[in-house]
């Protein structure tokens, strides 16, 4: 549910950012706000959980405590977080590269969840619950926002 709360906070911050400007920013600004907040902060949350709360996260996914994959997933989340934060500053093609990395990670994780659910009957809440849907939907929403924004120049 933490990711759902973050998603709502992201949408509200984007709407607030948009509505507080006297000269409404182009939709690209809303996308950047969304991208920065969601990818940056969710990546940090994923990093913290998988690295510092690894046993709890492993159990919620349906894996035994001490599962060795946790550190690698945490570092991948940290990399996505850094890409999200840097995208706000660097912009241009860097955003597209970060978007591609997020899509590959999210949809790859969703495929992993599906494999666990239907090949190994692992329907633990951290594997088949909201995390699974966020792995699918967030990259899709980000692609739609990126496509919708269509800035004239992306560098």
N, C-alpha and C. Protein backbone atom coordinates (compact mmCIF):
# COMPACT_ATOMS: atom_id res chain seq x y z
N UNK A 1 0.81 -1.20 0.00
CA UNK A 1 0.00 0.00 0.00
C UNK A 1 0.85 1.26 0.00
N UNK A 2 2.11 1.12 0.39
CA UNK A 2 3.00 2.27 0.42
C UNK A 2 3.18 2.85 -0.98
N UNK A 3 3.29 1.97 -1.99
CA UNK A 3 3.45 2.44 -3.36
C UNK A 3 2.18 3.13 -3.86
N UNK A 4 1.02 2.65 -3.42
CA UNK A 4 -0.25 3.29 -3.79
C UNK A 4 -0.31 4.70 -3.19
N UNK A 5 0.10 4.83 -1.94
CA UNK A 5 0.14 6.15 -1.30
C UNK A 5 1.09 7.08 -2.01
N UNK A 6 2.24 6.56 -2.40
CA UNK A 6 3.21 7.37 -3.13
C UNK A 6 2.64 7.80 -4.47
N UNK A 7 1.94 6.90 -5.15
CA UNK A 7 1.33 7.22 -6.44
C UNK A 7 0.33 8.37 -6.29
N UNK A 8 -0.52 8.31 -5.27
CA UNK A 8 -1.49 9.38 -5.03
C UNK A 8 -0.76 10.69 -4.73
N UNK A 9 0.28 10.62 -3.90
CA UNK A 9 1.05 11.83 -3.59
C UNK A 9 1.68 12.43 -4.84
N UNK A 10 2.14 11.57 -5.74
CA UNK A 10 2.75 12.03 -6.99
C UNK A 10 1.72 12.77 -7.85
N UNK A 11 0.56 12.17 -7.99
CA UNK A 11 -0.49 12.79 -8.81
C UNK A 11 -0.89 14.14 -8.20
N UNK A 12 -1.09 14.18 -6.90
CA UNK A 12 -1.47 15.43 -6.24
C UNK A 12 -0.38 16.49 -6.35
N UNK A 13 0.88 16.08 -6.22
CA UNK A 13 1.97 17.05 -6.35
C UNK A 13 2.05 17.60 -7.77
N UNK A 14 1.81 16.73 -8.75
CA UNK A 14 1.80 17.19 -10.14
C UNK A 14 0.67 18.16 -10.41
N UNK A 15 -0.51 17.86 -9.89
CA UNK A 15 -1.66 18.76 -10.07
C UNK A 15 -1.38 20.08 -9.36
N UNK A 16 -0.83 20.00 -8.16
CA UNK A 16 -0.48 21.22 -7.42
C UNK A 16 0.55 22.04 -8.16
N UNK A 17 1.55 21.40 -8.68
CA UNK A 17 2.60 22.08 -9.44
C UNK A 17 1.99 22.79 -10.63
N UNK A 18 1.09 22.12 -11.31
CA UNK A 18 0.45 22.69 -12.49
C UNK A 18 -0.46 23.86 -12.14
N UNK A 19 -1.28 23.69 -11.08
CA UNK A 19 -2.28 24.71 -10.76
C UNK A 19 -1.69 25.94 -10.08
N UNK A 20 -0.54 25.83 -9.44
CA UNK A 20 0.06 26.97 -8.77
C UNK A 20 0.80 27.92 -9.70
N UNK A 21 1.08 27.47 -10.89
CA UNK A 21 1.78 28.32 -11.86
C UNK A 21 0.79 29.30 -12.48
N UNK A 22 1.18 30.57 -12.56
CA UNK A 22 0.30 31.55 -13.21
C UNK A 22 0.23 31.28 -14.70
N UNK A 23 1.35 31.08 -15.30
CA UNK A 23 1.39 30.66 -16.70
C UNK A 23 1.52 29.15 -16.66
N UNK A 24 0.42 28.47 -16.92
CA UNK A 24 0.43 27.01 -16.79
C UNK A 24 1.56 26.41 -17.60
N UNK A 25 2.36 25.57 -16.93
CA UNK A 25 3.45 24.92 -17.65
C UNK A 25 2.89 23.93 -18.67
N UNK A 26 3.70 23.64 -19.66
CA UNK A 26 3.27 22.64 -20.64
C UNK A 26 3.15 21.28 -19.95
N UNK A 27 2.41 20.36 -20.54
CA UNK A 27 2.23 19.04 -19.91
C UNK A 27 3.55 18.35 -19.60
N UNK A 28 4.60 18.70 -20.33
CA UNK A 28 5.91 18.11 -20.09
C UNK A 28 6.37 18.36 -18.66
N UNK A 29 6.03 19.54 -18.10
CA UNK A 29 6.40 19.85 -16.72
C UNK A 29 5.71 18.90 -15.75
N UNK A 30 4.44 18.60 -16.03
CA UNK A 30 3.72 17.65 -15.19
C UNK A 30 4.40 16.29 -15.26
N UNK A 31 4.79 15.87 -16.46
CA UNK A 31 5.49 14.61 -16.63
C UNK A 31 6.78 14.59 -15.83
N UNK A 32 7.56 15.67 -15.91
CA UNK A 32 8.83 15.72 -15.17
C UNK A 32 8.59 15.61 -13.67
N UNK A 33 7.56 16.29 -13.18
CA UNK A 33 7.23 16.21 -11.75
C UNK A 33 6.90 14.76 -11.37
N UNK A 34 6.07 14.14 -12.17
CA UNK A 34 5.67 12.76 -11.95
C UNK A 34 6.89 11.85 -11.98
N UNK A 35 7.69 12.01 -13.02
CA UNK A 35 8.86 11.17 -13.21
C UNK A 35 9.82 11.30 -12.04
N UNK A 36 10.11 12.53 -11.67
CA UNK A 36 11.03 12.79 -10.57
C UNK A 36 10.53 12.17 -9.28
N UNK A 37 9.31 12.46 -8.91
CA UNK A 37 8.79 12.00 -7.63
C UNK A 37 8.64 10.49 -7.61
N UNK A 38 7.95 9.94 -8.60
CA UNK A 38 7.69 8.50 -8.54
C UNK A 38 8.94 7.66 -8.72
N UNK A 39 9.66 7.87 -9.80
CA UNK A 39 10.84 7.03 -10.05
C UNK A 39 11.91 7.26 -9.00
N UNK A 40 12.16 8.52 -8.66
CA UNK A 40 13.18 8.82 -7.67
C UNK A 40 12.86 8.27 -6.29
N UNK A 41 11.66 8.57 -5.79
CA UNK A 41 11.33 8.15 -4.44
C UNK A 41 10.97 6.67 -4.35
N UNK A 42 10.26 6.14 -5.34
CA UNK A 42 9.94 4.71 -5.26
C UNK A 42 11.21 3.87 -5.39
N UNK A 43 12.16 4.35 -6.18
CA UNK A 43 13.44 3.65 -6.26
C UNK A 43 14.17 3.63 -4.93
N UNK A 44 14.13 4.76 -4.23
CA UNK A 44 14.76 4.82 -2.90
C UNK A 44 14.04 3.89 -1.92
N UNK A 45 12.71 3.87 -1.99
CA UNK A 45 11.95 2.98 -1.11
C UNK A 45 12.29 1.52 -1.40
N UNK A 46 12.35 1.17 -2.68
CA UNK A 46 12.69 -0.20 -3.06
C UNK A 46 14.10 -0.57 -2.60
N UNK A 47 15.04 0.36 -2.78
CA UNK A 47 16.40 0.13 -2.33
C UNK A 47 16.44 -0.12 -0.83
N UNK A 48 15.81 0.77 -0.07
CA UNK A 48 15.81 0.65 1.39
C UNK A 48 15.19 -0.68 1.83
N UNK A 49 14.04 -1.01 1.25
CA UNK A 49 13.36 -2.24 1.64
C UNK A 49 14.16 -3.49 1.32
N UNK A 50 14.67 -3.57 0.09
CA UNK A 50 15.38 -4.78 -0.33
C UNK A 50 16.75 -4.93 0.32
N UNK A 51 17.37 -3.81 0.71
CA UNK A 51 18.71 -3.89 1.30
C UNK A 51 18.66 -3.92 2.84
N UNK A 52 17.85 -3.06 3.44
CA UNK A 52 17.86 -2.93 4.90
C UNK A 52 16.74 -3.69 5.61
N UNK A 53 15.68 -4.03 4.89
CA UNK A 53 14.58 -4.82 5.46
C UNK A 53 14.40 -6.09 4.63
N UNK A 54 15.51 -6.64 4.19
CA UNK A 54 15.47 -7.72 3.19
C UNK A 54 14.71 -8.96 3.65
N UNK A 55 14.85 -9.34 4.90
CA UNK A 55 14.13 -10.53 5.35
C UNK A 55 12.62 -10.32 5.33
N UNK A 56 12.17 -9.15 5.80
CA UNK A 56 10.73 -8.85 5.78
C UNK A 56 10.19 -8.81 4.35
N UNK A 57 10.93 -8.16 3.45
CA UNK A 57 10.49 -8.06 2.05
C UNK A 57 10.47 -9.44 1.42
N UNK A 58 11.50 -10.23 1.65
CA UNK A 58 11.54 -11.59 1.08
C UNK A 58 10.34 -12.40 1.52
N UNK A 59 10.01 -12.35 2.79
CA UNK A 59 8.85 -13.10 3.30
C UNK A 59 7.55 -12.60 2.67
N UNK A 60 7.43 -11.29 2.46
CA UNK A 60 6.20 -10.76 1.86
C UNK A 60 6.06 -11.18 0.40
N UNK A 61 7.19 -11.47 -0.26
CA UNK A 61 7.17 -11.90 -1.65
C UNK A 61 6.94 -13.42 -1.75
N UNK A 62 7.10 -14.10 -0.63
CA UNK A 62 6.93 -15.55 -0.64
C UNK A 62 8.24 -16.30 -0.76
N UNK A 63 9.34 -15.63 -0.45
CA UNK A 63 10.66 -16.24 -0.46
C UNK A 63 11.16 -16.36 0.98
N UNK A 64 12.07 -17.28 1.22
CA UNK A 64 12.59 -17.40 2.59
C UNK A 64 13.48 -16.21 2.96
N UNK A 65 13.52 -15.90 4.24
CA UNK A 65 14.41 -14.85 4.73
C UNK A 65 15.84 -15.21 4.34
N UNK A 66 16.64 -14.19 4.06
CA UNK A 66 18.02 -14.42 3.66
C UNK A 66 18.19 -14.70 2.18
N UNK A 67 17.15 -14.50 1.38
CA UNK A 67 17.23 -14.75 -0.06
C UNK A 67 18.29 -13.84 -0.68
N UNK A 68 19.21 -14.41 -1.43
CA UNK A 68 20.35 -13.62 -1.93
C UNK A 68 19.99 -12.60 -3.01
N UNK A 69 18.81 -12.70 -3.63
CA UNK A 69 18.45 -11.77 -4.70
C UNK A 69 18.17 -10.37 -4.17
N UNK A 70 17.91 -10.24 -2.89
CA UNK A 70 17.48 -8.98 -2.33
C UNK A 70 18.46 -7.83 -2.57
N UNK A 71 19.73 -8.06 -2.36
CA UNK A 71 20.71 -6.99 -2.52
C UNK A 71 20.75 -6.50 -3.96
N UNK A 72 20.74 -7.43 -4.92
CA UNK A 72 20.80 -7.05 -6.33
C UNK A 72 19.57 -6.24 -6.74
N UNK A 73 18.39 -6.66 -6.28
CA UNK A 73 17.16 -5.92 -6.60
C UNK A 73 17.22 -4.54 -5.96
N UNK A 74 17.74 -4.46 -4.74
CA UNK A 74 17.88 -3.17 -4.06
C UNK A 74 18.79 -2.23 -4.82
N UNK A 75 19.90 -2.74 -5.31
CA UNK A 75 20.84 -1.89 -6.06
C UNK A 75 20.20 -1.46 -7.38
N UNK A 76 19.44 -2.34 -8.03
CA UNK A 76 18.72 -1.95 -9.25
C UNK A 76 17.73 -0.83 -8.96
N UNK A 77 17.04 -0.93 -7.83
CA UNK A 77 16.12 0.14 -7.43
C UNK A 77 16.85 1.44 -7.18
N UNK A 78 18.02 1.36 -6.58
CA UNK A 78 18.82 2.56 -6.35
C UNK A 78 19.22 3.20 -7.68
N UNK A 79 19.61 2.38 -8.64
CA UNK A 79 19.98 2.90 -9.97
C UNK A 79 18.80 3.62 -10.61
N UNK A 80 17.60 3.05 -10.53
CA UNK A 80 16.41 3.70 -11.08
C UNK A 80 16.12 5.01 -10.34
N UNK A 81 16.33 5.02 -9.05
CA UNK A 81 16.12 6.24 -8.28
C UNK A 81 17.05 7.35 -8.76
N UNK A 82 18.31 7.03 -8.92
CA UNK A 82 19.28 8.02 -9.39
C UNK A 82 18.89 8.52 -10.78
N UNK A 83 18.47 7.61 -11.66
CA UNK A 83 18.03 8.03 -13.00
C UNK A 83 16.83 8.98 -12.90
N UNK A 84 15.89 8.68 -12.01
CA UNK A 84 14.73 9.55 -11.84
C UNK A 84 15.12 10.93 -11.36
N UNK A 85 15.97 11.00 -10.35
CA UNK A 85 16.38 12.30 -9.84
C UNK A 85 17.20 13.08 -10.87
N UNK A 86 18.11 12.42 -11.55
CA UNK A 86 18.93 13.10 -12.56
C UNK A 86 18.10 13.56 -13.76
N UNK A 87 17.03 12.85 -14.06
CA UNK A 87 16.19 13.22 -15.20
C UNK A 87 15.60 14.61 -15.05
N UNK A 88 15.32 15.00 -13.83
CA UNK A 88 14.75 16.33 -13.61
C UNK A 88 15.76 17.41 -13.95
N UNK A 89 17.02 17.14 -13.72
CA UNK A 89 18.07 18.12 -13.98
C UNK A 89 18.58 18.04 -15.43
N UNK A 90 18.84 16.83 -15.91
CA UNK A 90 19.48 16.67 -17.21
C UNK A 90 18.48 16.78 -18.36
N UNK A 91 17.30 16.24 -18.19
CA UNK A 91 16.21 16.28 -19.17
C UNK A 91 16.62 15.63 -20.49
N UNK A 92 16.02 16.07 -21.58
CA UNK A 92 16.35 15.58 -22.91
C UNK A 92 16.30 14.07 -23.06
N UNK A 93 17.24 13.55 -23.79
CA UNK A 93 17.31 12.11 -24.07
C UNK A 93 17.54 11.29 -22.82
N UNK A 94 18.06 11.92 -21.78
CA UNK A 94 18.30 11.20 -20.53
C UNK A 94 16.99 10.67 -19.97
N UNK A 95 15.91 11.45 -20.11
CA UNK A 95 14.60 11.02 -19.63
C UNK A 95 14.17 9.77 -20.37
N UNK A 96 14.36 9.75 -21.68
CA UNK A 96 13.98 8.58 -22.46
C UNK A 96 14.77 7.35 -22.01
N UNK A 97 16.05 7.52 -21.78
CA UNK A 97 16.88 6.40 -21.33
C UNK A 97 16.40 5.88 -19.97
N UNK A 98 16.10 6.78 -19.05
CA UNK A 98 15.60 6.38 -17.74
C UNK A 98 14.23 5.71 -17.86
N UNK A 99 13.41 6.20 -18.76
CA UNK A 99 12.09 5.62 -19.00
C UNK A 99 12.21 4.19 -19.52
N UNK A 100 13.13 3.97 -20.43
CA UNK A 100 13.37 2.63 -20.97
C UNK A 100 13.85 1.69 -19.87
N UNK A 101 14.78 2.16 -19.04
CA UNK A 101 15.28 1.33 -17.94
C UNK A 101 14.15 0.97 -16.98
N UNK A 102 13.29 1.93 -16.66
CA UNK A 102 12.16 1.67 -15.77
C UNK A 102 11.18 0.68 -16.39
N UNK A 103 10.93 0.81 -17.66
CA UNK A 103 10.02 -0.12 -18.35
C UNK A 103 10.57 -1.54 -18.32
N UNK A 104 11.84 -1.70 -18.64
CA UNK A 104 12.45 -3.03 -18.65
C UNK A 104 12.41 -3.65 -17.26
N UNK A 105 12.77 -2.87 -16.25
CA UNK A 105 12.77 -3.39 -14.89
C UNK A 105 11.35 -3.74 -14.43
N UNK A 106 10.41 -2.82 -14.63
CA UNK A 106 9.03 -3.04 -14.17
C UNK A 106 8.36 -4.21 -14.85
N UNK A 107 8.42 -4.24 -16.17
CA UNK A 107 7.76 -5.33 -16.88
C UNK A 107 8.51 -6.65 -16.71
N UNK A 108 9.83 -6.57 -16.57
CA UNK A 108 10.59 -7.79 -16.27
C UNK A 108 10.21 -8.35 -14.91
N UNK A 109 10.05 -7.47 -13.93
CA UNK A 109 9.61 -7.91 -12.60
C UNK A 109 8.20 -8.50 -12.66
N UNK A 110 7.32 -7.89 -13.47
CA UNK A 110 5.95 -8.41 -13.61
C UNK A 110 5.96 -9.82 -14.20
N UNK A 111 6.82 -10.06 -15.18
CA UNK A 111 6.95 -11.40 -15.75
C UNK A 111 7.44 -12.37 -14.67
N UNK A 112 8.40 -11.92 -13.86
CA UNK A 112 8.87 -12.75 -12.76
C UNK A 112 7.76 -13.07 -11.77
N UNK A 113 6.92 -12.08 -11.46
CA UNK A 113 5.78 -12.33 -10.57
C UNK A 113 4.82 -13.34 -11.18
N UNK A 114 4.54 -13.18 -12.47
CA UNK A 114 3.63 -14.13 -13.14
C UNK A 114 4.19 -15.55 -13.11
N UNK A 115 5.46 -15.67 -13.36
CA UNK A 115 6.10 -17.00 -13.31
C UNK A 115 5.94 -17.61 -11.92
N UNK A 116 6.20 -16.79 -10.90
CA UNK A 116 6.07 -17.27 -9.53
C UNK A 116 4.62 -17.68 -9.22
N UNK A 117 3.67 -16.88 -9.71
CA UNK A 117 2.27 -17.18 -9.41
C UNK A 117 1.80 -18.45 -10.11
N UNK A 118 2.09 -18.57 -11.39
CA UNK A 118 1.46 -19.65 -12.16
C UNK A 118 2.33 -20.89 -12.36
N UNK A 119 3.62 -20.76 -12.16
CA UNK A 119 4.46 -21.96 -12.23
C UNK A 119 4.73 -22.54 -10.85
N UNK A 120 4.80 -21.67 -9.84
CA UNK A 120 5.17 -22.12 -8.51
C UNK A 120 4.10 -21.83 -7.46
N UNK A 121 2.96 -21.35 -7.88
CA UNK A 121 1.80 -21.09 -7.01
C UNK A 121 2.15 -20.18 -5.83
N UNK A 122 2.97 -19.18 -6.11
CA UNK A 122 3.36 -18.20 -5.10
C UNK A 122 2.45 -16.99 -5.22
N UNK A 123 1.41 -16.96 -4.41
CA UNK A 123 0.46 -15.85 -4.42
C UNK A 123 0.60 -14.99 -3.17
N UNK A 124 1.82 -14.89 -2.65
CA UNK A 124 2.08 -14.03 -1.50
C UNK A 124 1.73 -12.59 -1.89
N UNK A 125 1.30 -11.80 -0.91
CA UNK A 125 0.83 -10.44 -1.20
C UNK A 125 1.89 -9.58 -1.87
N UNK A 126 3.15 -9.75 -1.53
CA UNK A 126 4.21 -8.97 -2.14
C UNK A 126 4.58 -9.44 -3.53
N UNK A 127 4.01 -10.55 -3.96
CA UNK A 127 4.28 -11.08 -5.29
C UNK A 127 3.09 -10.90 -6.23
N UNK A 128 1.89 -11.12 -5.70
CA UNK A 128 0.71 -11.10 -6.56
C UNK A 128 -0.22 -9.93 -6.28
N UNK A 129 0.11 -9.11 -5.32
CA UNK A 129 -0.76 -8.00 -4.95
C UNK A 129 -0.48 -6.74 -5.73
N UNK A 130 -0.59 -5.63 -5.04
CA UNK A 130 -0.44 -4.31 -5.67
C UNK A 130 0.91 -4.14 -6.37
N UNK A 131 1.96 -4.72 -5.82
CA UNK A 131 3.29 -4.58 -6.43
C UNK A 131 3.28 -5.10 -7.86
N UNK A 132 2.63 -6.21 -8.09
CA UNK A 132 2.54 -6.77 -9.44
C UNK A 132 1.86 -5.77 -10.39
N UNK A 133 0.74 -5.20 -9.96
CA UNK A 133 0.02 -4.26 -10.82
C UNK A 133 0.79 -2.97 -11.04
N UNK A 134 1.49 -2.51 -10.01
CA UNK A 134 2.30 -1.31 -10.18
C UNK A 134 3.47 -1.57 -11.13
N UNK A 135 4.04 -2.77 -11.09
CA UNK A 135 5.12 -3.10 -12.03
C UNK A 135 4.64 -3.02 -13.48
N UNK A 136 3.39 -3.34 -13.70
CA UNK A 136 2.81 -3.25 -15.05
C UNK A 136 2.34 -1.84 -15.40
N UNK A 137 1.60 -1.22 -14.49
CA UNK A 137 0.91 0.02 -14.81
C UNK A 137 1.78 1.27 -14.77
N UNK A 138 2.69 1.36 -13.83
CA UNK A 138 3.49 2.58 -13.71
C UNK A 138 4.34 2.82 -14.96
N UNK A 139 5.07 1.82 -15.48
CA UNK A 139 5.80 2.08 -16.73
C UNK A 139 4.87 2.46 -17.88
N UNK A 140 3.70 1.86 -17.94
CA UNK A 140 2.74 2.19 -18.99
C UNK A 140 2.26 3.64 -18.85
N UNK A 141 1.93 4.05 -17.63
CA UNK A 141 1.50 5.43 -17.39
C UNK A 141 2.62 6.40 -17.77
N UNK A 142 3.85 6.06 -17.40
CA UNK A 142 4.98 6.93 -17.71
C UNK A 142 5.17 7.07 -19.22
N UNK A 143 5.03 5.97 -19.95
CA UNK A 143 5.12 6.03 -21.41
C UNK A 143 4.01 6.91 -21.99
N UNK A 144 2.79 6.76 -21.47
CA UNK A 144 1.68 7.57 -21.96
C UNK A 144 1.92 9.05 -21.69
N UNK A 145 2.42 9.38 -20.51
CA UNK A 145 2.73 10.77 -20.20
C UNK A 145 3.83 11.31 -21.11
N UNK A 146 4.84 10.51 -21.34
CA UNK A 146 5.94 10.91 -22.21
C UNK A 146 5.43 11.16 -23.63
N UNK A 147 4.63 10.25 -24.12
CA UNK A 147 4.07 10.38 -25.48
C UNK A 147 3.14 11.59 -25.56
N UNK A 148 2.30 11.78 -24.54
CA UNK A 148 1.34 12.88 -24.53
C UNK A 148 2.03 14.23 -24.47
N UNK A 149 3.12 14.33 -23.72
CA UNK A 149 3.81 15.60 -23.56
C UNK A 149 4.39 16.10 -24.88
N UNK A 150 5.00 15.23 -25.65
CA UNK A 150 5.58 15.55 -26.95
C UNK A 150 6.24 16.93 -27.00
N UNK A 151 7.27 17.13 -26.20
CA UNK A 151 7.95 18.44 -26.30
C UNK A 151 8.59 18.58 -27.67
N UNK A 152 8.73 19.82 -28.10
CA UNK A 152 9.27 20.06 -29.44
C UNK A 152 10.72 19.57 -29.55
N UNK A 153 11.47 19.75 -28.49
CA UNK A 153 12.88 19.37 -28.54
C UNK A 153 13.21 18.55 -27.31
N UNK A 154 13.69 17.33 -27.50
CA UNK A 154 14.07 16.47 -26.37
C UNK A 154 15.57 16.32 -26.24
N UNK A 155 16.34 17.01 -27.04
CA UNK A 155 17.80 16.95 -27.04
C UNK A 155 18.27 15.58 -27.38
